[in-house]
């Protein structure tokens, strides 16, 4: 099951009136501690902060380059009579770029209101035995336990 946000970025297709749509979303998985899913967290974060839209706004050119390179690689593979996955490399590159966007704290520097989050500044981390201890180191916003960031997916249909 996917929780998806259509990235509002459409890639034109050769056939008239047909479009390919790039989707950004999460693979829905349960969170152990909270009784929530990664889809619930993604929905909350997108509604409150617009993190995926901010990512696309800042990295739109990188996303398009990844798609273009993926398609070119697929054409080369097709010419050599190999099995072709036209989107695979590009989607993996987009997913990696999104994870870096969060981990490097870039998401906090692109004008998303409310960032860095208070929890990130305080070092709240549910990965730790004492998530709210004052001695916890500051962490990147949007990376508390990891499943949200790790379940991020990009796909085309």
Foldseek 3Di string as FASTA:
>chain_A
DWQKDFLPDWDDDPDPPDIKTKIKTFDWDDDVPPRGTLSVVRVVCCVQFVLVNLLCVVCVVVLVVLLVVLQVVQVVCVVVVHDGDSCVRSFVSSLVSSLCCQQVLVSQVRPGPCPPPPLQCQQQAPVDPDRRDSPHDRGTRPPRDNRNSVRITIDMD
